[in-house]
């Protein structure tokens, strides 16, 4: 399903999650100060990077081509899952367009990918309750902003906007359920939302 990670070889893990992504987000505004997309940076854990980067040629040009192909494959697979991104405007899902801006490279031995998820329609966050969450629905992968990180804004009137990262607060029984799931269990695509951060966007 995702990033060539599901079905990867190796010994079974004993609990969810099985992989980790450090997330950074930037809210993109148009000339009217309306939100038109979310730029995301994903920094994968070292173990997944080791698995996926095995066999990359050490020559820079060859590695760069391989990283570009990997990003294309990842994003093509993610398109059917809205790039693991859920955007709500007044509690209604915002349709997302296809990603066309992206890049990928190795950073300090970890796979890094940056891409922009565009909205189908600009959202005026001064008149609309806008929020978004980035998560793997099955919680196979944990995706969180780094502790103390802030969400950036880019574009005209960005100084009028702020964002609050609301941490997840799953019930104790939900945590126990995740800890009991092994790698081969039938995916539950409702679990990830319970462990997802919510980013609340406000503009004035």
N, C-alpha and C. Protein backbone atom coordinates (compact mmCIF):
# COMPACT_ATOMS: atom_id res chain seq x y z
N UNK A 1 0.83 -1.20 0.00
CA UNK A 1 0.00 0.00 0.00
C UNK A 1 0.85 1.24 0.00
N UNK A 2 1.91 1.26 0.80
CA UNK A 2 2.59 2.54 1.02
C UNK A 2 4.09 2.40 0.90
N UNK A 3 4.69 3.18 0.04
CA UNK A 3 6.12 3.43 0.04
C UNK A 3 6.96 2.16 0.02
N UNK A 4 6.45 1.10 -0.56
CA UNK A 4 7.19 -0.16 -0.61
C UNK A 4 7.50 -0.69 0.78
N UNK A 5 6.84 -0.19 1.81
CA UNK A 5 7.16 -0.58 3.17
C UNK A 5 6.35 -1.79 3.59
N UNK A 6 5.06 -1.81 3.29
CA UNK A 6 4.25 -2.97 3.63
C UNK A 6 4.76 -4.16 2.84
N UNK A 7 4.91 -5.28 3.54
CA UNK A 7 5.40 -6.47 2.88
C UNK A 7 6.91 -6.55 2.83
N UNK A 8 7.60 -5.58 3.48
CA UNK A 8 9.06 -5.62 3.49
C UNK A 8 9.55 -6.82 4.26
N UNK A 9 10.74 -7.29 3.91
CA UNK A 9 11.28 -8.46 4.58
C UNK A 9 11.76 -8.13 5.97
N UNK A 10 12.23 -9.16 6.67
CA UNK A 10 12.74 -8.97 8.02
C UNK A 10 11.88 -9.68 9.02
N UNK A 11 12.33 -9.71 10.25
CA UNK A 11 11.58 -10.40 11.30
C UNK A 11 10.35 -9.61 11.69
N UNK A 12 9.29 -10.27 12.13
CA UNK A 12 8.06 -9.56 12.47
C UNK A 12 8.25 -8.64 13.67
N UNK A 13 7.62 -7.46 13.60
CA UNK A 13 7.59 -6.56 14.75
C UNK A 13 6.45 -7.00 15.65
N UNK A 14 6.49 -6.55 16.89
CA UNK A 14 5.51 -7.03 17.86
C UNK A 14 4.39 -6.04 18.12
N UNK A 15 4.48 -4.83 17.61
CA UNK A 15 3.45 -3.85 17.90
C UNK A 15 3.47 -2.75 16.85
N UNK A 16 2.34 -2.08 16.72
CA UNK A 16 2.29 -0.87 15.90
C UNK A 16 2.79 0.31 16.73
N UNK A 17 3.44 1.29 16.13
CA UNK A 17 3.83 1.36 14.73
C UNK A 17 5.10 0.57 14.44
N UNK A 18 5.37 0.39 13.14
CA UNK A 18 6.56 -0.33 12.70
C UNK A 18 7.60 0.60 12.08
N UNK A 19 7.22 1.82 11.80
CA UNK A 19 8.14 2.79 11.20
C UNK A 19 7.73 4.18 11.69
N UNK A 20 8.66 5.14 11.53
CA UNK A 20 8.43 6.47 12.08
C UNK A 20 8.86 7.53 11.07
N UNK A 21 8.10 8.60 11.03
CA UNK A 21 8.42 9.74 10.18
C UNK A 21 8.36 11.01 11.01
N UNK A 22 9.45 11.78 10.98
CA UNK A 22 9.45 13.12 11.57
C UNK A 22 8.87 14.07 10.52
N UNK A 23 7.86 14.82 10.90
CA UNK A 23 7.08 15.62 9.97
C UNK A 23 7.33 17.11 10.20
N UNK A 24 7.40 17.86 9.10
CA UNK A 24 7.38 19.33 9.15
C UNK A 24 6.34 19.81 8.15
N UNK A 25 5.61 20.87 8.52
CA UNK A 25 4.53 21.36 7.67
C UNK A 25 4.65 22.86 7.45
N UNK A 26 4.31 23.28 6.24
CA UNK A 26 4.23 24.70 5.91
C UNK A 26 2.92 24.95 5.19
N UNK A 27 2.13 25.88 5.69
CA UNK A 27 0.86 26.24 5.08
C UNK A 27 1.14 27.29 4.00
N UNK A 28 0.63 27.05 2.80
CA UNK A 28 0.91 27.93 1.66
C UNK A 28 -0.32 28.80 1.37
N UNK A 29 -0.08 30.10 1.22
CA UNK A 29 -1.15 31.07 0.97
C UNK A 29 -1.00 31.66 -0.43
N UNK A 30 -2.14 32.05 -1.03
CA UNK A 30 -2.09 32.75 -2.31
C UNK A 30 -2.07 34.26 -2.09
N UNK A 31 -2.18 35.02 -3.18
CA UNK A 31 -2.05 36.48 -3.09
C UNK A 31 -3.16 37.11 -2.26
N UNK A 32 -4.28 36.41 -2.06
CA UNK A 32 -5.38 36.92 -1.25
C UNK A 32 -5.28 36.49 0.21
N UNK A 33 -4.22 35.75 0.55
CA UNK A 33 -4.08 35.27 1.91
C UNK A 33 -4.91 34.03 2.20
N UNK A 34 -5.41 33.37 1.16
CA UNK A 34 -6.20 32.15 1.33
C UNK A 34 -5.27 30.93 1.25
N UNK A 35 -5.60 29.91 1.98
CA UNK A 35 -4.76 28.70 2.02
C UNK A 35 -5.01 27.87 0.77
N UNK A 36 -3.92 27.52 0.07
CA UNK A 36 -4.06 26.77 -1.18
C UNK A 36 -3.35 25.42 -1.14
N UNK A 37 -2.66 25.12 -0.04
CA UNK A 37 -1.99 23.83 0.03
C UNK A 37 -1.14 23.69 1.27
N UNK A 38 -0.62 22.49 1.46
CA UNK A 38 0.24 22.17 2.59
C UNK A 38 1.55 21.58 2.05
N UNK A 39 2.66 22.24 2.33
CA UNK A 39 3.96 21.65 2.03
C UNK A 39 4.36 20.75 3.19
N UNK A 40 4.79 19.54 2.87
CA UNK A 40 5.19 18.60 3.91
C UNK A 40 6.62 18.14 3.67
N UNK A 41 7.35 17.97 4.75
CA UNK A 41 8.67 17.34 4.71
C UNK A 41 8.60 16.10 5.59
N UNK A 42 8.95 14.96 5.01
CA UNK A 42 8.94 13.69 5.73
C UNK A 42 10.38 13.21 5.87
N UNK A 43 10.82 12.96 7.10
CA UNK A 43 12.14 12.42 7.37
C UNK A 43 11.95 11.03 7.97
N UNK A 44 12.31 10.00 7.20
CA UNK A 44 12.05 8.62 7.59
C UNK A 44 13.09 8.11 8.58
N UNK A 45 12.69 7.12 9.37
CA UNK A 45 13.62 6.56 10.35
C UNK A 45 14.77 5.85 9.65
N UNK A 46 15.85 5.65 10.39
CA UNK A 46 17.08 5.10 9.83
C UNK A 46 16.90 3.67 9.32
N UNK A 47 16.10 2.87 10.00
CA UNK A 47 15.92 1.48 9.59
C UNK A 47 15.21 1.38 8.26
N UNK A 48 14.13 2.14 8.09
CA UNK A 48 13.45 2.15 6.79
C UNK A 48 14.38 2.67 5.71
N UNK A 49 15.14 3.72 6.02
CA UNK A 49 16.09 4.28 5.05
C UNK A 49 17.09 3.22 4.62
N UNK A 50 17.60 2.46 5.57
CA UNK A 50 18.56 1.41 5.26
C UNK A 50 17.95 0.38 4.32
N UNK A 51 16.71 0.02 4.58
CA UNK A 51 16.03 -0.95 3.73
C UNK A 51 15.83 -0.41 2.32
N UNK A 52 15.35 0.81 2.21
CA UNK A 52 14.97 1.35 0.90
C UNK A 52 16.17 1.79 0.10
N UNK A 53 17.26 2.19 0.78
CA UNK A 53 18.43 2.72 0.08
C UNK A 53 19.42 1.63 -0.31
N UNK A 54 19.18 0.39 0.09
CA UNK A 54 20.09 -0.70 -0.24
C UNK A 54 20.15 -0.87 -1.75
N UNK A 55 21.31 -0.86 -2.26
CA UNK A 55 21.48 -1.03 -3.70
C UNK A 55 21.58 0.27 -4.47
N UNK A 56 21.36 1.44 -3.81
CA UNK A 56 21.57 2.71 -4.48
C UNK A 56 23.04 2.83 -4.87
N UNK A 57 23.29 3.33 -6.06
CA UNK A 57 24.66 3.56 -6.50
C UNK A 57 25.23 4.73 -5.72
N UNK A 58 26.48 4.63 -5.36
CA UNK A 58 27.10 5.69 -4.56
C UNK A 58 27.39 6.94 -5.37
N UNK A 59 27.36 6.83 -6.70
CA UNK A 59 27.60 8.02 -7.51
C UNK A 59 26.43 8.97 -7.39
N UNK A 60 26.73 10.25 -7.25
CA UNK A 60 25.70 11.24 -6.95
C UNK A 60 24.59 11.26 -8.00
N UNK A 61 24.98 11.26 -9.29
CA UNK A 61 23.97 11.35 -10.33
C UNK A 61 23.03 10.17 -10.32
N UNK A 62 23.59 8.98 -10.16
CA UNK A 62 22.77 7.77 -10.14
C UNK A 62 21.87 7.74 -8.91
N UNK A 63 22.41 8.15 -7.76
CA UNK A 63 21.60 8.17 -6.54
C UNK A 63 20.47 9.19 -6.66
N UNK A 64 20.76 10.34 -7.24
CA UNK A 64 19.73 11.37 -7.39
C UNK A 64 18.59 10.86 -8.28
N UNK A 65 18.93 10.16 -9.36
CA UNK A 65 17.90 9.61 -10.24
C UNK A 65 17.06 8.56 -9.50
N UNK A 66 17.74 7.73 -8.70
CA UNK A 66 17.02 6.71 -7.94
C UNK A 66 16.09 7.34 -6.92
N UNK A 67 16.54 8.41 -6.28
CA UNK A 67 15.70 9.09 -5.29
C UNK A 67 14.48 9.73 -5.95
N UNK A 68 14.68 10.28 -7.14
CA UNK A 68 13.55 10.88 -7.86
C UNK A 68 12.53 9.83 -8.24
N UNK A 69 13.00 8.69 -8.73
CA UNK A 69 12.08 7.60 -9.09
C UNK A 69 11.34 7.09 -7.86
N UNK A 70 12.05 7.00 -6.73
CA UNK A 70 11.41 6.55 -5.50
C UNK A 70 10.32 7.52 -5.07
N UNK A 71 10.61 8.81 -5.14
CA UNK A 71 9.60 9.81 -4.77
C UNK A 71 8.38 9.71 -5.67
N UNK A 72 8.61 9.52 -6.96
CA UNK A 72 7.49 9.39 -7.90
C UNK A 72 6.63 8.19 -7.57
N UNK A 73 7.28 7.07 -7.24
CA UNK A 73 6.53 5.86 -6.88
C UNK A 73 5.75 6.07 -5.59
N UNK A 74 6.41 6.64 -4.59
CA UNK A 74 5.75 6.89 -3.31
C UNK A 74 4.51 7.75 -3.49
N UNK A 75 4.66 8.84 -4.22
CA UNK A 75 3.55 9.79 -4.36
C UNK A 75 2.43 9.20 -5.22
N UNK A 76 2.78 8.39 -6.19
CA UNK A 76 1.75 7.72 -6.99
C UNK A 76 0.94 6.76 -6.12
N UNK A 77 1.63 6.03 -5.24
CA UNK A 77 0.93 5.12 -4.33
C UNK A 77 0.09 5.88 -3.32
N UNK A 78 0.59 7.02 -2.88
CA UNK A 78 -0.11 7.79 -1.86
C UNK A 78 -1.32 8.55 -2.40
N UNK A 79 -1.37 8.77 -3.71
CA UNK A 79 -2.46 9.58 -4.27
C UNK A 79 -3.83 9.00 -3.92
N UNK A 80 -3.94 7.68 -3.97
CA UNK A 80 -5.22 7.05 -3.66
C UNK A 80 -5.60 7.15 -2.20
N UNK A 81 -4.66 7.59 -1.36
CA UNK A 81 -4.91 7.75 0.07
C UNK A 81 -4.78 9.21 0.48
N UNK A 82 -4.97 10.13 -0.50
CA UNK A 82 -4.88 11.57 -0.25
C UNK A 82 -3.57 11.96 0.43
N UNK A 83 -2.51 11.25 0.07
CA UNK A 83 -1.17 11.55 0.59
C UNK A 83 -1.12 11.50 2.11
N UNK A 84 -1.96 10.64 2.70
CA UNK A 84 -2.06 10.52 4.16
C UNK A 84 -2.41 11.87 4.80
N UNK A 85 -3.12 12.70 4.07
CA UNK A 85 -3.43 14.05 4.53
C UNK A 85 -4.94 14.25 4.54
N UNK A 86 -5.47 14.67 5.68
CA UNK A 86 -6.89 14.99 5.80
C UNK A 86 -7.03 16.45 6.18
N UNK A 87 -7.72 17.20 5.34
CA UNK A 87 -7.95 18.63 5.57
C UNK A 87 -9.44 18.85 5.78
N UNK A 88 -9.78 19.57 6.84
CA UNK A 88 -11.17 19.87 7.15
C UNK A 88 -11.40 21.37 7.17
N UNK A 89 -12.47 21.81 6.51
CA UNK A 89 -12.93 23.19 6.55
C UNK A 89 -14.34 23.18 7.10
N UNK A 90 -14.52 23.76 8.29
CA UNK A 90 -15.80 23.68 8.99
C UNK A 90 -16.29 22.23 9.07
N UNK A 91 -15.34 21.33 9.41
CA UNK A 91 -15.60 19.90 9.62
C UNK A 91 -15.98 19.14 8.36
N UNK A 92 -15.79 19.74 7.19
CA UNK A 92 -16.04 19.05 5.93
C UNK A 92 -14.70 18.81 5.23
N UNK A 93 -14.52 17.61 4.65
CA UNK A 93 -13.27 17.28 4.00
C UNK A 93 -13.03 18.17 2.78
N UNK A 94 -11.81 18.66 2.66
CA UNK A 94 -11.42 19.49 1.53
C UNK A 94 -10.81 18.60 0.44
N UNK A 95 -11.32 18.64 -0.78
CA UNK A 95 -10.73 17.83 -1.87
C UNK A 95 -9.30 18.28 -2.15
N UNK A 96 -8.43 17.32 -2.44
CA UNK A 96 -7.03 17.60 -2.70
C UNK A 96 -6.69 17.28 -4.15
N UNK A 97 -5.78 18.07 -4.71
CA UNK A 97 -5.33 17.84 -6.08
C UNK A 97 -4.07 16.96 -6.09
N UNK A 98 -3.62 16.61 -7.27
CA UNK A 98 -2.45 15.75 -7.43
C UNK A 98 -1.16 16.53 -7.17
N UNK A 99 -0.25 15.92 -6.45
CA UNK A 99 1.04 16.53 -6.17
C UNK A 99 1.87 16.61 -7.46
N UNK A 100 2.43 17.79 -7.72
CA UNK A 100 3.32 17.94 -8.88
C UNK A 100 4.67 18.51 -8.47
N UNK A 101 4.76 19.08 -7.27
CA UNK A 101 6.02 19.64 -6.78
C UNK A 101 6.57 18.71 -5.69
N UNK A 102 7.76 18.17 -5.91
CA UNK A 102 8.33 17.24 -4.95
C UNK A 102 9.83 17.11 -5.16
N UNK A 103 10.52 16.61 -4.15
CA UNK A 103 11.94 16.28 -4.23
C UNK A 103 12.27 15.31 -3.12
N UNK A 104 13.40 14.60 -3.26
CA UNK A 104 13.80 13.61 -2.27
C UNK A 104 15.31 13.47 -2.29
N UNK A 105 15.88 13.20 -1.12
CA UNK A 105 17.32 12.99 -1.00
C UNK A 105 17.62 12.30 0.32
N UNK A 106 18.88 11.90 0.50
CA UNK A 106 19.34 11.37 1.77
C UNK A 106 19.93 12.51 2.59
N UNK A 107 19.48 12.61 3.84
CA UNK A 107 20.00 13.64 4.74
C UNK A 107 20.50 12.99 6.02
N UNK A 108 21.82 13.04 6.19
CA UNK A 108 22.44 12.44 7.37
C UNK A 108 22.00 10.99 7.57
N UNK A 109 21.99 10.27 6.45
CA UNK A 109 21.67 8.86 6.51
C UNK A 109 20.20 8.52 6.64
N UNK A 110 19.32 9.52 6.43
CA UNK A 110 17.88 9.27 6.51
C UNK A 110 17.20 9.79 5.25
N UNK A 111 16.22 9.03 4.80
CA UNK A 111 15.48 9.41 3.60
C UNK A 111 14.60 10.62 3.90
N UNK A 112 14.71 11.65 3.07
CA UNK A 112 13.95 12.89 3.22
C UNK A 112 13.14 13.11 1.94
N UNK A 113 11.88 13.51 2.11
CA UNK A 113 11.02 13.80 0.97
C UNK A 113 10.21 15.06 1.26
N UNK A 114 10.19 15.97 0.28
CA UNK A 114 9.38 17.19 0.40
C UNK A 114 8.41 17.24 -0.77
N UNK A 115 7.16 17.59 -0.47
CA UNK A 115 6.17 17.72 -1.53
C UNK A 115 5.06 18.67 -1.08
N UNK A 116 4.31 19.17 -2.04
CA UNK A 116 3.22 20.11 -1.76
C UNK A 116 1.90 19.45 -2.14
N UNK A 117 0.98 19.38 -1.17
CA UNK A 117 -0.37 18.86 -1.42
C UNK A 117 -1.29 20.05 -1.69
N UNK A 118 -1.73 20.26 -2.95
CA UNK A 118 -2.57 21.42 -3.26
C UNK A 118 -4.05 21.15 -2.98
N UNK A 119 -4.76 22.20 -2.58
CA UNK A 119 -6.20 22.12 -2.38
C UNK A 119 -6.91 22.32 -3.72
N UNK A 120 -8.06 21.69 -3.88
CA UNK A 120 -8.85 21.90 -5.09
C UNK A 120 -9.42 23.32 -5.13
N UNK A 121 -9.70 23.89 -3.94
CA UNK A 121 -10.27 25.22 -3.83
C UNK A 121 -9.58 25.97 -2.70
N UNK A 122 -9.18 27.24 -2.91
CA UNK A 122 -8.57 28.01 -1.82
C UNK A 122 -9.53 28.15 -0.64
N UNK A 123 -8.97 28.18 0.56
CA UNK A 123 -9.76 28.28 1.78
C UNK A 123 -9.41 29.57 2.51
N UNK A 124 -10.42 30.36 2.84
CA UNK A 124 -10.22 31.58 3.62
C UNK A 124 -10.26 31.20 5.10
N UNK A 125 -9.09 31.10 5.71
CA UNK A 125 -9.01 30.64 7.10
C UNK A 125 -9.40 31.71 8.10
N UNK A 126 -9.71 32.91 7.61
CA UNK A 126 -10.21 33.95 8.51
C UNK A 126 -11.71 33.81 8.72
N UNK A 127 -12.37 33.07 7.82
CA UNK A 127 -13.82 32.89 7.92
C UNK A 127 -14.21 31.42 8.08
N UNK A 128 -13.23 30.54 8.02
CA UNK A 128 -13.48 29.10 8.04
C UNK A 128 -12.60 28.44 9.08
N UNK A 129 -13.16 27.49 9.83
CA UNK A 129 -12.36 26.70 10.77
C UNK A 129 -11.59 25.65 9.97
N UNK A 130 -10.29 25.89 9.83
CA UNK A 130 -9.46 25.04 8.99
C UNK A 130 -8.51 24.22 9.85
N UNK A 131 -8.42 22.94 9.57
CA UNK A 131 -7.48 22.07 10.28
C UNK A 131 -7.00 20.99 9.33
N UNK A 132 -5.86 20.40 9.67
CA UNK A 132 -5.38 19.27 8.89
C UNK A 132 -4.62 18.29 9.77
N UNK A 133 -4.55 17.07 9.30
CA UNK A 133 -3.82 16.01 10.00
C UNK A 133 -3.11 15.16 8.96
N UNK A 134 -1.92 14.71 9.31
CA UNK A 134 -1.13 13.85 8.43
C UNK A 134 -0.89 12.54 9.17
N UNK A 135 -1.41 11.44 8.65
CA UNK A 135 -1.29 10.17 9.37
C UNK A 135 -1.51 8.99 8.43
N UNK A 136 -0.87 7.87 8.78
CA UNK A 136 -1.12 6.60 8.12
C UNK A 136 -2.39 6.02 8.73
N UNK A 137 -3.43 5.79 7.95
CA UNK A 137 -4.70 5.31 8.52
C UNK A 137 -4.57 4.03 9.32
N UNK A 138 -3.61 3.17 8.97
CA UNK A 138 -3.46 1.90 9.67
C UNK A 138 -2.54 1.99 10.87
N UNK A 139 -1.89 3.12 11.07
CA UNK A 139 -0.91 3.33 12.14
C UNK A 139 0.28 2.39 12.02
N UNK A 140 0.51 1.87 10.81
CA UNK A 140 1.74 1.11 10.56
C UNK A 140 2.94 2.03 10.75
N UNK A 141 2.74 3.30 10.38
CA UNK A 141 3.78 4.33 10.49
C UNK A 141 3.27 5.42 11.43
N UNK A 142 4.09 5.81 12.38
CA UNK A 142 3.76 6.95 13.23
C UNK A 142 4.33 8.21 12.60
N UNK A 143 3.51 9.24 12.47
CA UNK A 143 3.91 10.48 11.81
C UNK A 143 3.60 11.64 12.75
N UNK A 144 4.65 12.29 13.26
CA UNK A 144 4.48 13.38 14.22
C UNK A 144 5.47 14.50 13.92
N UNK A 145 5.05 15.73 14.22
CA UNK A 145 5.99 16.84 14.21
C UNK A 145 6.98 16.65 15.36
N UNK A 146 8.18 17.13 15.17
CA UNK A 146 9.17 17.06 16.23
C UNK A 146 8.71 17.87 17.43
N UNK A 147 9.06 17.43 18.61
CA UNK A 147 8.65 18.13 19.82
C UNK A 147 9.16 19.57 19.80
N UNK A 148 8.27 20.51 20.07
CA UNK A 148 8.62 21.92 20.07
C UNK A 148 8.60 22.57 18.71
N UNK A 149 8.31 21.80 17.66
CA UNK A 149 8.29 22.34 16.30
C UNK A 149 7.07 23.23 16.11
N UNK A 150 7.16 24.12 15.14
CA UNK A 150 6.02 24.98 14.80
C UNK A 150 5.71 24.81 13.32
N UNK A 151 4.46 25.06 12.97
CA UNK A 151 4.03 25.03 11.57
C UNK A 151 4.32 26.38 10.95
N UNK A 152 5.00 26.38 9.82
CA UNK A 152 5.34 27.62 9.13
C UNK A 152 4.23 28.03 8.16
N UNK A 153 4.32 29.28 7.70
CA UNK A 153 3.42 29.81 6.67
C UNK A 153 4.27 30.45 5.58
N UNK A 154 3.81 30.34 4.33
CA UNK A 154 4.52 30.94 3.21
C UNK A 154 3.53 31.61 2.27
N UNK A 155 3.83 32.85 1.90
CA UNK A 155 2.97 33.57 0.98
C UNK A 155 2.54 34.90 1.55
N UNK A 156 1.87 35.72 0.73
CA UNK A 156 1.38 37.02 1.17
C UNK A 156 0.46 36.90 2.39
N UNK A 157 0.57 37.86 3.29
CA UNK A 157 -0.28 37.96 4.48
C UNK A 157 -0.06 36.80 5.46
N UNK A 158 1.05 36.09 5.31
CA UNK A 158 1.29 34.96 6.20
C UNK A 158 1.46 35.39 7.65
N UNK A 159 1.85 36.65 7.86
CA UNK A 159 2.02 37.13 9.24
C UNK A 159 0.68 37.23 9.98
N UNK A 160 -0.41 37.13 9.26
CA UNK A 160 -1.73 37.20 9.89
C UNK A 160 -2.23 35.83 10.34
N UNK A 161 -1.43 34.80 10.12
CA UNK A 161 -1.89 33.43 10.41
C UNK A 161 -1.05 32.77 11.50
N UNK A 162 -1.69 31.90 12.24
CA UNK A 162 -1.03 31.10 13.26
C UNK A 162 -1.53 29.66 13.16
N UNK A 163 -0.77 28.75 13.76
CA UNK A 163 -1.17 27.34 13.76
C UNK A 163 -0.87 26.73 15.11
N UNK A 164 -1.75 25.87 15.55
CA UNK A 164 -1.58 25.15 16.81
C UNK A 164 -1.57 23.65 16.53
N UNK A 165 -0.51 22.98 17.00
CA UNK A 165 -0.42 21.53 16.86
C UNK A 165 -1.04 20.89 18.10
N UNK A 166 -2.14 20.19 17.92
CA UNK A 166 -2.83 19.53 19.01
C UNK A 166 -2.39 18.07 19.04
N UNK A 167 -1.74 17.64 20.12
CA UNK A 167 -1.24 16.25 20.15
C UNK A 167 -2.37 15.25 20.26
N UNK A 168 -2.14 14.02 19.84
CA UNK A 168 -3.17 12.98 19.96
C UNK A 168 -3.38 12.60 21.42
N UNK A 169 -4.56 12.09 21.71
CA UNK A 169 -4.87 11.68 23.07
C UNK A 169 -5.70 10.39 23.02
N UNK A 170 -5.10 9.30 22.55
CA UNK A 170 -5.86 8.05 22.42
C UNK A 170 -6.19 7.46 23.78
N UNK A 171 -7.31 6.78 23.86
CA UNK A 171 -7.70 6.11 25.10
C UNK A 171 -6.73 4.98 25.41
N UNK A 172 -6.64 4.64 26.68
CA UNK A 172 -5.70 3.60 27.12
C UNK A 172 -5.95 2.28 26.40
N UNK A 173 -7.22 1.93 26.18
CA UNK A 173 -7.52 0.66 25.51
C UNK A 173 -7.09 0.69 24.04
N UNK A 174 -7.10 1.88 23.43
CA UNK A 174 -6.64 2.01 22.06
C UNK A 174 -5.14 1.80 21.97
N UNK A 175 -4.41 2.35 22.93
CA UNK A 175 -2.96 2.15 22.98
C UNK A 175 -2.64 0.68 23.15
N UNK A 176 -3.37 0.02 24.03
CA UNK A 176 -3.14 -1.41 24.26
C UNK A 176 -3.43 -2.22 23.00
N UNK A 177 -4.48 -1.83 22.27
CA UNK A 177 -4.80 -2.52 21.03
C UNK A 177 -3.65 -2.39 20.03
N UNK A 178 -3.12 -1.19 19.88
CA UNK A 178 -2.02 -0.97 18.93
C UNK A 178 -0.79 -1.78 19.33
N UNK A 179 -0.53 -1.85 20.62
CA UNK A 179 0.63 -2.59 21.10
C UNK A 179 0.49 -4.09 20.88
N UNK A 180 -0.73 -4.56 20.73
CA UNK A 180 -0.98 -5.98 20.56
C UNK A 180 -0.96 -6.42 19.11
N UNK A 181 -0.94 -5.46 18.17
CA UNK A 181 -1.01 -5.81 16.76
C UNK A 181 0.37 -6.10 16.20
N UNK A 182 0.51 -7.20 15.48
CA UNK A 182 1.80 -7.49 14.86
C UNK A 182 1.77 -7.08 13.39
N UNK A 183 2.90 -7.29 12.73
CA UNK A 183 3.07 -6.81 11.36
C UNK A 183 2.08 -7.44 10.39
N UNK A 184 1.69 -8.68 10.63
CA UNK A 184 0.91 -9.42 9.65
C UNK A 184 -0.60 -9.35 9.88
N UNK A 185 -1.03 -8.58 10.89
CA UNK A 185 -2.44 -8.49 11.17
C UNK A 185 -3.16 -7.75 10.04
N UNK A 186 -4.42 -8.05 9.84
CA UNK A 186 -5.22 -7.35 8.84
C UNK A 186 -5.27 -5.86 9.17
N UNK A 187 -4.86 -4.97 8.23
CA UNK A 187 -4.81 -3.54 8.53
C UNK A 187 -6.16 -2.98 8.96
N UNK A 188 -6.15 -2.15 9.98
CA UNK A 188 -7.33 -1.44 10.46
C UNK A 188 -7.15 0.03 10.10
N UNK A 189 -7.89 0.49 9.08
CA UNK A 189 -7.65 1.83 8.58
C UNK A 189 -8.38 2.91 9.39
N UNK A 190 -8.87 2.55 10.58
CA UNK A 190 -9.44 3.56 11.48
C UNK A 190 -8.51 3.86 12.65
N UNK A 191 -7.44 3.09 12.79
CA UNK A 191 -6.58 3.21 13.96
C UNK A 191 -5.71 4.46 13.92
N UNK A 192 -5.17 4.77 12.74
CA UNK A 192 -4.21 5.86 12.64
C UNK A 192 -4.76 7.22 13.06
N UNK A 193 -6.03 7.47 12.77
CA UNK A 193 -6.62 8.77 13.12
C UNK A 193 -6.61 9.00 14.62
N UNK A 194 -6.65 7.94 15.40
CA UNK A 194 -6.69 8.07 16.85
C UNK A 194 -5.33 8.45 17.42
N UNK A 195 -4.27 8.28 16.62
CA UNK A 195 -2.92 8.62 17.05
C UNK A 195 -2.36 9.82 16.27
N UNK A 196 -3.23 10.54 15.61
CA UNK A 196 -2.79 11.64 14.74
C UNK A 196 -2.84 12.98 15.44
N UNK A 197 -1.84 13.81 15.16
CA UNK A 197 -1.90 15.20 15.57
C UNK A 197 -2.91 15.94 14.70
N UNK A 198 -3.48 17.00 15.25
CA UNK A 198 -4.34 17.90 14.48
C UNK A 198 -3.70 19.28 14.49
N UNK A 199 -3.57 19.87 13.31
CA UNK A 199 -3.05 21.24 13.20
C UNK A 199 -4.21 22.18 12.92
N UNK A 200 -4.44 23.09 13.85
CA UNK A 200 -5.53 24.08 13.69
C UNK A 200 -4.95 25.38 13.14
N UNK A 201 -5.50 25.84 12.01
CA UNK A 201 -4.99 27.03 11.33
C UNK A 201 -5.98 28.17 11.51
N UNK A 202 -5.45 29.31 11.91
CA UNK A 202 -6.28 30.51 12.09
C UNK A 202 -5.62 31.70 11.42
N UNK A 203 -6.40 32.48 10.68
CA UNK A 203 -5.91 33.73 10.07
C UNK A 203 -6.86 34.86 10.46
N UNK A 204 -6.34 36.05 10.54
CA UNK A 204 -7.19 37.18 10.92
C UNK A 204 -7.26 38.21 9.79
